[in-house]
Amino acid sequence: MTAAKLPPLGKRIVHSVAVHPMLIKEPVVDKPKNALKHSKYEVECREALKPHLDAMVDLAVKAGWDRKVASYSLMYLAAKKSGPHDSSLF
C-alpha cells in the first residue's frame, strides 16, 4: 500500500469496515493504582473506562443511534451487570 492509499490516522480497516482504533484489539484498561477502599479508587476506575465508553457511544452514533439513548442504554446494561449494590465495598 502506498502512503496515498493508507487509511486516515486513527482509523484501521478490518474486513473492509472502518473500526474505531480502541476496538481493533483487546482494549487496554489501566490497572488501579490505589486499593479498593481508597477514596480515589472509584474515580480512578471511571477515568480508566471513560475512553472505552466514549468509543462505544461514538460507534453507536455512527450506526444511527441517538447519543442520549446509547448512553442511557449502556448505563442500564452496566447497572444490570453489576447486580445489587454492595455498600460494604465503598
PDB file of N, CA and C in Angstrom:
ATOM      1  N   MET A   1       0.846  -1.177   0.000  1.00  0.00           N
ATOM      2  CA  MET A   1       0.000   0.000   0.000  1.00  0.00           C
ATOM      3  C   MET A   1       0.889   1.237   0.000  1.00  0.00           C
ATOM      4  N   THR A   2       0.633   2.154  -0.862  1.00  0.00           N
ATOM      5  CA  THR A   2       1.415   3.381  -0.873  1.00  0.00           C
ATOM      6  C   THR A   2       0.868   4.337   0.164  1.00  0.00           C
ATOM      7  N   ALA A   3       1.676   5.341   0.484  1.00  0.00           N
ATOM      8  CA  ALA A   3       1.258   6.319   1.501  1.00  0.00           C
ATOM      9  C   ALA A   3      -0.048   6.996   1.111  1.00  0.00           C
ATOM     10  N   ALA A   4      -0.290   7.199  -0.176  1.00  0.00           N
ATOM     11  CA  ALA A   4      -1.516   7.876  -0.618  1.00  0.00           C
ATOM     12  C   ALA A   4      -2.749   7.015  -0.388  1.00  0.00           C
ATOM     13  N   LYS A   5      -2.584   5.705  -0.285  1.00  0.00           N
ATOM     14  CA  LYS A   5      -3.726   4.807  -0.123  1.00  0.00           C
ATOM     15  C   LYS A   5      -3.950   4.353   1.309  1.00  0.00           C
ATOM     16  N   LEU A   6      -3.131   4.805   2.245  1.00  0.00           N
ATOM     17  CA  LEU A   6      -3.302   4.425   3.642  1.00  0.00           C
ATOM     18  C   LEU A   6      -4.575   5.044   4.207  1.00  0.00           C
ATOM     19  N   PRO A   7      -5.266   4.323   5.117  1.00  0.00           N
ATOM     20  CA  PRO A   7      -6.447   4.912   5.750  1.00  0.00           C
ATOM     21  C   PRO A   7      -6.034   6.095   6.618  1.00  0.00           C
ATOM     22  N   PRO A   8      -6.952   7.023   6.892  1.00  0.00           N
ATOM     23  CA  PRO A   8      -6.618   8.179   7.724  1.00  0.00           C
ATOM     24  C   PRO A   8      -6.125   7.742   9.101  1.00  0.00           C
ATOM     25  N   LEU A   9      -5.278   8.554   9.711  1.00  0.00           N
ATOM     26  CA  LEU A   9      -4.790   8.251  11.051  1.00  0.00           C
ATOM     27  C   LEU A   9      -5.958   8.091  12.006  1.00  0.00           C
ATOM     28  N   GLY A  10      -5.816   7.197  12.945  1.00  0.00           N
ATOM     29  CA  GLY A  10      -6.869   6.979  13.928  1.00  0.00           C
ATOM     30  C   GLY A  10      -7.902   5.978  13.449  1.00  0.00           C
ATOM     31  N   LYS A  11      -7.806   5.508  12.224  1.00  0.00           N
ATOM     32  CA  LYS A  11      -8.745   4.518  11.694  1.00  0.00           C
ATOM     33  C   LYS A  11      -7.945   3.325  11.196  1.00  0.00           C
ATOM     34  N   ARG A  12      -8.512   2.175  11.257  1.00  0.00           N
ATOM     35  CA  ARG A  12      -7.922   0.973  10.697  1.00  0.00           C
ATOM     36  C   ARG A  12      -9.019   0.267   9.914  1.00  0.00           C
ATOM     37  N   ILE A  13      -8.654  -0.442   8.903  1.00  0.00           N
ATOM     38  CA  ILE A  13      -9.631  -1.187   8.115  1.00  0.00           C
ATOM     39  C   ILE A  13      -9.552  -2.659   8.522  1.00  0.00           C
ATOM     40  N   VAL A  14     -10.673  -3.205   8.957  1.00  0.00           N
ATOM     41  CA  VAL A  14     -10.770  -4.606   9.334  1.00  0.00           C
ATOM     42  C   VAL A  14     -11.941  -5.183   8.555  1.00  0.00           C
ATOM     43  N   HIS A  15     -11.685  -6.154   7.753  1.00  0.00           N
ATOM     44  CA  HIS A  15     -12.716  -6.756   6.912  1.00  0.00           C
ATOM     45  C   HIS A  15     -13.460  -5.692   6.108  1.00  0.00           C
ATOM     46  N   SER A  16     -12.743  -4.733   5.575  1.00  0.00           N
ATOM     47  CA  SER A  16     -13.283  -3.660   4.738  1.00  0.00           C
ATOM     48  C   SER A  16     -14.255  -2.732   5.466  1.00  0.00           C
ATOM     49  N   VAL A  17     -14.209  -2.720   6.791  1.00  0.00           N
ATOM     50  CA  VAL A  17     -15.071  -1.839   7.573  1.00  0.00           C
ATOM     51  C   VAL A  17     -14.187  -0.987   8.472  1.00  0.00           C
ATOM     52  N   ALA A  18     -14.410   0.328   8.479  1.00  0.00           N
ATOM     53  CA  ALA A  18     -13.649   1.202   9.369  1.00  0.00           C
ATOM     54  C   ALA A  18     -14.064   0.908  10.809  1.00  0.00           C
ATOM     55  N   VAL A  19     -13.085   0.691  11.670  1.00  0.00           N
ATOM     56  CA  VAL A  19     -13.341   0.339  13.059  1.00  0.00           C
ATOM     57  C   VAL A  19     -12.610   1.333  13.945  1.00  0.00           C
ATOM     58  N   HIS A  20     -13.234   1.706  15.032  1.00  0.00           N
ATOM     59  CA  HIS A  20     -12.598   2.607  15.988  1.00  0.00           C
ATOM     60  C   HIS A  20     -11.304   1.956  16.466  1.00  0.00           C
ATOM     61  N   PRO A  21     -10.194   2.712  16.566  1.00  0.00           N
ATOM     62  CA  PRO A  21      -8.902   2.117  16.926  1.00  0.00           C
ATOM     63  C   PRO A  21      -8.904   1.367  18.249  1.00  0.00           C
ATOM     64  N   MET A  22      -9.707   1.790  19.215  1.00  0.00           N
ATOM     65  CA  MET A  22      -9.710   1.122  20.515  1.00  0.00           C
ATOM     66  C   MET A  22     -10.370  -0.255  20.444  1.00  0.00           C
ATOM     67  N   LEU A  23     -11.152  -0.518  19.399  1.00  0.00           N
ATOM     68  CA  LEU A  23     -11.870  -1.775  19.329  1.00  0.00           C
ATOM     69  C   LEU A  23     -11.222  -2.780  18.378  1.00  0.00           C
ATOM     70  N   ILE A  24     -10.066  -2.473  17.834  1.00  0.00           N
ATOM     71  CA  ILE A  24      -9.389  -3.366  16.913  1.00  0.00           C
ATOM     72  C   ILE A  24      -8.836  -4.578  17.645  1.00  0.00           C
ATOM     73  N   LYS A  25      -8.218  -4.356  18.753  1.00  0.00           N
ATOM     74  CA  LYS A  25      -7.675  -5.439  19.556  1.00  0.00           C
ATOM     75  C   LYS A  25      -8.299  -5.339  20.934  1.00  0.00           C
ATOM     76  N   GLU A  26      -7.937  -6.239  21.790  1.00  0.00           N
ATOM     77  CA  GLU A  26      -8.496  -6.210  23.141  1.00  0.00           C
ATOM     78  C   GLU A  26      -8.192  -4.868  23.788  1.00  0.00           C
ATOM     79  N   PRO A  27      -9.226  -4.197  24.329  1.00  0.00           N
ATOM     80  CA  PRO A  27      -8.982  -2.890  24.948  1.00  0.00           C
ATOM     81  C   PRO A  27      -8.046  -3.004  26.144  1.00  0.00           C
ATOM     82  N   VAL A  28      -7.224  -1.996  26.304  1.00  0.00           N
ATOM     83  CA  VAL A  28      -6.311  -1.955  27.442  1.00  0.00           C
ATOM     84  C   VAL A  28      -6.893  -0.972  28.457  1.00  0.00           C
ATOM     85  N   VAL A  29      -7.198  -1.486  29.619  1.00  0.00           N
ATOM     86  CA  VAL A  29      -7.716  -0.659  30.708  1.00  0.00           C
ATOM     87  C   VAL A  29      -6.599  -0.523  31.726  1.00  0.00           C
ATOM     88  N   ASP A  30      -6.320   0.718  32.127  1.00  0.00           N
ATOM     89  CA  ASP A  30      -5.283   0.948  33.125  1.00  0.00           C
ATOM     90  C   ASP A  30      -5.585   0.183  34.411  1.00  0.00           C
ATOM     91  N   LYS A  31      -4.531  -0.319  35.043  1.00  0.00           N
ATOM     92  CA  LYS A  31      -4.678  -1.026  36.316  1.00  0.00           C
ATOM     93  C   LYS A  31      -4.864  -0.001  37.428  1.00  0.00           C
ATOM     94  N   PRO A  32      -5.549  -0.391  38.511  1.00  0.00           N
ATOM     95  CA  PRO A  32      -5.709   0.543  39.635  1.00  0.00           C
ATOM     96  C   PRO A  32      -4.371   0.822  40.312  1.00  0.00           C
ATOM     97  N   LYS A  33      -4.226   2.052  40.757  1.00  0.00           N
ATOM     98  CA  LYS A  33      -3.026   2.443  41.499  1.00  0.00           C
ATOM     99  C   LYS A  33      -3.299   2.443  42.990  1.00  0.00           C
ATOM    100  N   ASN A  34      -4.586   2.505  43.336  1.00  0.00           N
ATOM    101  CA  ASN A  34      -4.983   2.579  44.742  1.00  0.00           C
ATOM    102  C   ASN A  34      -5.762   1.331  45.140  1.00  0.00           C
ATOM    103  N   ALA A  35      -5.821   1.085  46.442  1.00  0.00           N
ATOM    104  CA  ALA A  35      -6.576  -0.051  46.974  1.00  0.00           C
ATOM    105  C   ALA A  35      -8.075   0.208  46.850  1.00  0.00           C
ATOM    106  N   LEU A  36      -8.855  -0.866  46.886  1.00  0.00           N
ATOM    107  CA  LEU A  36     -10.306  -0.789  46.735  1.00  0.00           C
ATOM    108  C   LEU A  36     -10.956   0.217  47.684  1.00  0.00           C
ATOM    109  N   LYS A  37     -10.529   0.283  48.904  1.00  0.00           N
ATOM    110  CA  LYS A  37     -11.159   1.178  49.890  1.00  0.00           C
ATOM    111  C   LYS A  37     -10.606   2.602  49.847  1.00  0.00           C
ATOM    112  N   HIS A  38      -9.647   2.886  48.987  1.00  0.00           N
ATOM    113  CA  HIS A  38      -9.068   4.220  48.879  1.00  0.00           C
ATOM    114  C   HIS A  38     -10.098   5.191  48.312  1.00  0.00           C
ATOM    115  N   SER A  39     -10.074   6.425  48.762  1.00  0.00           N
ATOM    116  CA  SER A  39     -11.068   7.420  48.337  1.00  0.00           C
ATOM    117  C   SER A  39     -11.008   7.730  46.840  1.00  0.00           C
ATOM    118  N   LYS A  40      -9.883   7.514  46.194  1.00  0.00           N
ATOM    119  CA  LYS A  40      -9.747   7.822  44.767  1.00  0.00           C
ATOM    120  C   LYS A  40      -9.994   6.606  43.863  1.00  0.00           C
ATOM    121  N   TYR A  41     -10.246   5.456  44.432  1.00  0.00           N
ATOM    122  CA  TYR A  41     -10.371   4.219  43.659  1.00  0.00           C
ATOM    123  C   TYR A  41     -11.490   4.297  42.610  1.00  0.00           C
ATOM    124  N   GLU A  42     -12.669   4.738  43.008  1.00  0.00           N
ATOM    125  CA  GLU A  42     -13.819   4.792  42.098  1.00  0.00           C
ATOM    126  C   GLU A  42     -13.595   5.793  40.971  1.00  0.00           C
ATOM    127  N   VAL A  43     -13.069   6.964  41.282  1.00  0.00           N
ATOM    128  CA  VAL A  43     -12.788   7.981  40.258  1.00  0.00           C
ATOM    129  C   VAL A  43     -11.719   7.467  39.301  1.00  0.00           C
ATOM    130  N   GLU A  44     -10.725   6.804  39.843  1.00  0.00           N
ATOM    131  CA  GLU A  44      -9.650   6.240  39.029  1.00  0.00           C
ATOM    132  C   GLU A  44     -10.211   5.210  38.034  1.00  0.00           C
ATOM    133  N   CYS A  45     -11.150   4.386  38.484  1.00  0.00           N
ATOM    134  CA  CYS A  45     -11.780   3.395  37.615  1.00  0.00           C
ATOM    135  C   CYS A  45     -12.571   4.090  36.504  1.00  0.00           C
ATOM    136  N   ARG A  46     -13.313   5.124  36.849  1.00  0.00           N
ATOM    137  CA  ARG A  46     -14.072   5.877  35.829  1.00  0.00           C
ATOM    138  C   ARG A  46     -13.148   6.420  34.756  1.00  0.00           C
ATOM    139  N   GLU A  47     -12.025   6.977  35.159  1.00  0.00           N
ATOM    140  CA  GLU A  47     -11.072   7.542  34.205  1.00  0.00           C
ATOM    141  C   GLU A  47     -10.474   6.456  33.308  1.00  0.00           C
ATOM    142  N   ALA A  48     -10.264   5.266  33.858  1.00  0.00           N
ATOM    143  CA  ALA A  48      -9.701   4.165  33.078  1.00  0.00           C
ATOM    144  C   ALA A  48     -10.707   3.657  32.029  1.00  0.00           C
ATOM    145  N   LEU A  49     -11.991   3.711  32.355  1.00  0.00           N
ATOM    146  CA  LEU A  49     -13.024   3.199  31.457  1.00  0.00           C
ATOM    147  C   LEU A  49     -13.564   4.241  30.485  1.00  0.00           C
ATOM    148  N   LYS A  50     -13.400   5.515  30.795  1.00  0.00           N
ATOM    149  CA  LYS A  50     -14.003   6.592  30.006  1.00  0.00           C
ATOM    150  C   LYS A  50     -13.684   6.537  28.515  1.00  0.00           C
ATOM    151  N   PRO A  51     -12.424   6.368  28.093  1.00  0.00           N
ATOM    152  CA  PRO A  51     -12.176   6.356  26.648  1.00  0.00           C
ATOM    153  C   PRO A  51     -12.863   5.189  25.936  1.00  0.00           C
ATOM    154  N   HIS A  52     -13.030   4.070  26.623  1.00  0.00           N
ATOM    155  CA  HIS A  52     -13.679   2.905  26.030  1.00  0.00           C
ATOM    156  C   HIS A  52     -15.184   3.136  25.916  1.00  0.00           C
ATOM    157  N   LEU A  53     -15.746   3.755  26.926  1.00  0.00           N
ATOM    158  CA  LEU A  53     -17.167   4.091  26.890  1.00  0.00           C
ATOM    159  C   LEU A  53     -17.437   5.116  25.787  1.00  0.00           C
ATOM    160  N   ASP A  54     -16.580   6.127  25.695  1.00  0.00           N
ATOM    161  CA  ASP A  54     -16.716   7.135  24.642  1.00  0.00           C
ATOM    162  C   ASP A  54     -16.674   6.476  23.267  1.00  0.00           C
ATOM    163  N   ALA A  55     -15.775   5.508  23.090  1.00  0.00           N
ATOM    164  CA  ALA A  55     -15.653   4.814  21.805  1.00  0.00           C
ATOM    165  C   ALA A  55     -16.923   4.034  21.487  1.00  0.00           C
ATOM    166  N   MET A  56     -17.517   3.393  22.487  1.00  0.00           N
ATOM    167  CA  MET A  56     -18.748   2.638  22.265  1.00  0.00           C
ATOM    168  C   MET A  56     -19.907   3.553  21.889  1.00  0.00           C
ATOM    169  N   VAL A  57     -20.027   4.670  22.571  1.00  0.00           N
ATOM    170  CA  VAL A  57     -21.094   5.625  22.249  1.00  0.00           C
ATOM    171  C   VAL A  57     -20.886   6.189  20.846  1.00  0.00           C
ATOM    172  N   ASP A  58     -19.647   6.531  20.506  1.00  0.00           N
ATOM    173  CA  ASP A  58     -19.353   7.049  19.167  1.00  0.00           C
ATOM    174  C   ASP A  58     -19.729   6.035  18.088  1.00  0.00           C
ATOM    175  N   LEU A  59     -19.443   4.757  18.318  1.00  0.00           N
ATOM    176  CA  LEU A  59     -19.810   3.720  17.354  1.00  0.00           C
ATOM    177  C   LEU A  59     -21.321   3.604  17.214  1.00  0.00           C
ATOM    178  N   ALA A  60     -22.042   3.702  18.319  1.00  0.00           N
ATOM    179  CA  ALA A  60     -23.499   3.628  18.268  1.00  0.00           C
ATOM    180  C   ALA A  60     -24.068   4.813  17.474  1.00  0.00           C
ATOM    181  N   VAL A  61     -23.520   6.001  17.701  1.00  0.00           N
ATOM    182  CA  VAL A  61     -23.975   7.192  16.975  1.00  0.00           C
ATOM    183  C   VAL A  61     -23.692   7.039  15.479  1.00  0.00           C
ATOM    184  N   LYS A  62     -22.506   6.528  15.139  1.00  0.00           N
ATOM    185  CA  LYS A  62     -22.180   6.304  13.726  1.00  0.00           C
ATOM    186  C   LYS A  62     -23.141   5.316  13.078  1.00  0.00           C
ATOM    187  N   ALA A  63     -23.629   4.370  13.863  1.00  0.00           N
ATOM    188  CA  ALA A  63     -24.567   3.376  13.349  1.00  0.00           C
ATOM    189  C   ALA A  63     -25.972   3.941  13.209  1.00  0.00           C
ATOM    190  N   GLY A  64     -26.203   5.139  13.758  1.00  0.00           N
ATOM    191  CA  GLY A  64     -27.514   5.778  13.618  1.00  0.00           C
ATOM    192  C   GLY A  64     -28.308   5.928  14.898  1.00  0.00           C
ATOM    193  N   TRP A  65     -27.752   5.484  16.018  1.00  0.00           N
ATOM    194  CA  TRP A  65     -28.458   5.612  17.295  1.00  0.00           C
ATOM    195  C   TRP A  65     -28.304   7.023  17.850  1.00  0.00           C
ATOM    196  N   ASP A  66     -29.294   7.473  18.577  1.00  0.00           N
ATOM    197  CA  ASP A  66     -29.235   8.763  19.273  1.00  0.00           C
ATOM    198  C   ASP A  66     -28.220   8.652  20.414  1.00  0.00           C
ATOM    199  N   ARG A  67     -27.379   9.689  20.579  1.00  0.00           N
ATOM    200  CA  ARG A  67     -26.318   9.666  21.597  1.00  0.00           C
ATOM    201  C   ARG A  67     -26.878   9.467  23.007  1.00  0.00           C
ATOM    202  N   LYS A  68     -27.959  10.164  23.352  1.00  0.00           N
ATOM    203  CA  LYS A  68     -28.520  10.036  24.708  1.00  0.00           C
ATOM    204  C   LYS A  68     -29.086   8.640  24.938  1.00  0.00           C
ATOM    205  N   VAL A  69     -29.741   8.084  23.928  1.00  0.00           N
ATOM    206  CA  VAL A  69     -30.298   6.739  24.068  1.00  0.00           C
ATOM    207  C   VAL A  69     -29.172   5.718  24.198  1.00  0.00           C
ATOM    208  N   ALA A  70     -28.116   5.866  23.420  1.00  0.00           N
ATOM    209  CA  ALA A  70     -26.975   4.948  23.510  1.00  0.00           C
ATOM    210  C   ALA A  70     -26.331   5.042  24.892  1.00  0.00           C
ATOM    211  N   SER A  71     -26.152   6.261  25.399  1.00  0.00           N
ATOM    212  CA  SER A  71     -25.553   6.445  26.721  1.00  0.00           C
ATOM    213  C   SER A  71     -26.431   5.838  27.809  1.00  0.00           C
ATOM    214  N   TYR A  72     -27.730   6.088  27.716  1.00  0.00           N
ATOM    215  CA  TYR A  72     -28.657   5.525  28.697  1.00  0.00           C
ATOM    216  C   TYR A  72     -28.645   4.005  28.638  1.00  0.00           C
ATOM    217  N   SER A  73     -28.611   3.461  27.438  1.00  0.00           N
ATOM    218  CA  SER A  73     -28.611   2.007  27.274  1.00  0.00           C
ATOM    219  C   SER A  73     -27.379   1.377  27.903  1.00  0.00           C
ATOM    220  N   LEU A  74     -26.219   2.008  27.729  1.00  0.00           N
ATOM    221  CA  LEU A  74     -25.002   1.499  28.362  1.00  0.00           C
ATOM    222  C   LEU A  74     -25.095   1.585  29.885  1.00  0.00           C
ATOM    223  N   MET A  75     -25.673   2.670  30.377  1.00  0.00           N
ATOM    224  CA  MET A  75     -25.850   2.816  31.818  1.00  0.00           C
ATOM    225  C   MET A  75     -26.769   1.712  32.352  1.00  0.00           C
ATOM    226  N   TYR A  76     -27.852   1.464  31.631  1.00  0.00           N
ATOM    227  CA  TYR A  76     -28.809   0.430  32.026  1.00  0.00           C
ATOM    228  C   TYR A  76     -28.135  -0.949  32.044  1.00  0.00           C
ATOM    229  N   LEU A  77     -27.410  -1.255  30.972  1.00  0.00           N
ATOM    230  CA  LEU A  77     -26.741  -2.550  30.890  1.00  0.00           C
ATOM    231  C   LEU A  77     -25.691  -2.715  31.987  1.00  0.00           C
ATOM    232  N   ALA A  78     -24.973  -1.651  32.287  1.00  0.00           N
ATOM    233  CA  ALA A  78     -23.967  -1.713  33.356  1.00  0.00           C
ATOM    234  C   ALA A  78     -24.631  -1.956  34.705  1.00  0.00           C
ATOM    235  N   ALA A  79     -25.758  -1.306  34.956  1.00  0.00           N
ATOM    236  CA  ALA A  79     -26.471  -1.496  36.222  1.00  0.00           C
ATOM    237  C   ALA A  79     -26.983  -2.931  36.338  1.00  0.00           C
ATOM    238  N   LYS A  80     -27.493  -3.477  35.240  1.00  0.00           N
ATOM    239  CA  LYS A  80     -27.976  -4.854  35.252  1.00  0.00           C
ATOM    240  C   LYS A  80     -26.820  -5.841  35.477  1.00  0.00           C
ATOM    241  N   LYS A  81     -25.673  -5.530  34.925  1.00  0.00           N
ATOM    242  CA  LYS A  81     -24.498  -6.406  35.031  1.00  0.00           C
ATOM    243  C   LYS A  81     -23.957  -6.445  36.463  1.00  0.00           C
ATOM    244  N   SER A  82     -24.021  -5.309  37.157  1.00  0.00           N
ATOM    245  CA  SER A  82     -23.409  -5.214  38.481  1.00  0.00           C
ATOM    246  C   SER A  82     -24.248  -5.862  39.571  1.00  0.00           C
ATOM    247  N   GLY A  83     -25.525  -6.026  39.343  1.00  0.00           N
ATOM    248  CA  GLY A  83     -26.380  -6.636  40.355  1.00  0.00           C
ATOM    249  C   GLY A  83     -26.625  -5.671  41.515  1.00  0.00           C
ATOM    250  N   PRO A  84     -27.107  -6.216  42.624  1.00  0.00           N
ATOM    251  CA  PRO A  84     -27.384  -5.351  43.784  1.00  0.00           C
ATOM    252  C   PRO A  84     -26.122  -4.648  44.272  1.00  0.00           C
ATOM    253  N   HIS A  85     -26.286  -3.411  44.677  1.00  0.00           N
ATOM    254  CA  HIS A  85     -25.159  -2.630  45.174  1.00  0.00           C
ATOM    255  C   HIS A  85     -24.726  -3.136  46.536  1.00  0.00           C
ATOM    256  N   ASP A  86     -23.457  -3.401  46.675  1.00  0.00           N
ATOM    257  CA  ASP A  86     -22.901  -3.852  47.949  1.00  0.00           C
ATOM    258  C   ASP A  86     -22.211  -2.653  48.601  1.00  0.00           C
ATOM    259  N   SER A  87     -22.880  -2.014  49.528  1.00  0.00           N
ATOM    260  CA  SER A  87     -22.349  -0.781  50.144  1.00  0.00           C
ATOM    261  C   SER A  87     -21.116  -1.067  51.011  1.00  0.00           C
ATOM    262  N   SER A  88     -20.832  -2.326  51.307  1.00  0.00           N
ATOM    263  CA  SER A  88     -19.647  -2.602  52.125  1.00  0.00           C
ATOM    264  C   SER A  88     -18.356  -2.418  51.341  1.00  0.00           C
ATOM    265  N   LEU A  89     -18.457  -2.315  49.996  1.00  0.00           N
ATOM    266  CA  LEU A  89     -17.260  -2.129  49.189  1.00  0.00           C
ATOM    267  C   LEU A  89     -16.722  -0.706  49.260  1.00  0.00           C
ATOM    268  N   PHE A  90     -17.593   0.251  49.471  1.00  0.00           N
ATOM    269  CA  PHE A  90     -17.168   1.657  49.418  1.00  0.00           C
ATOM    270  C   PHE A  90     -17.429   2.363  50.716  1.00  0.00           C
TER     271      PHE A  90
END
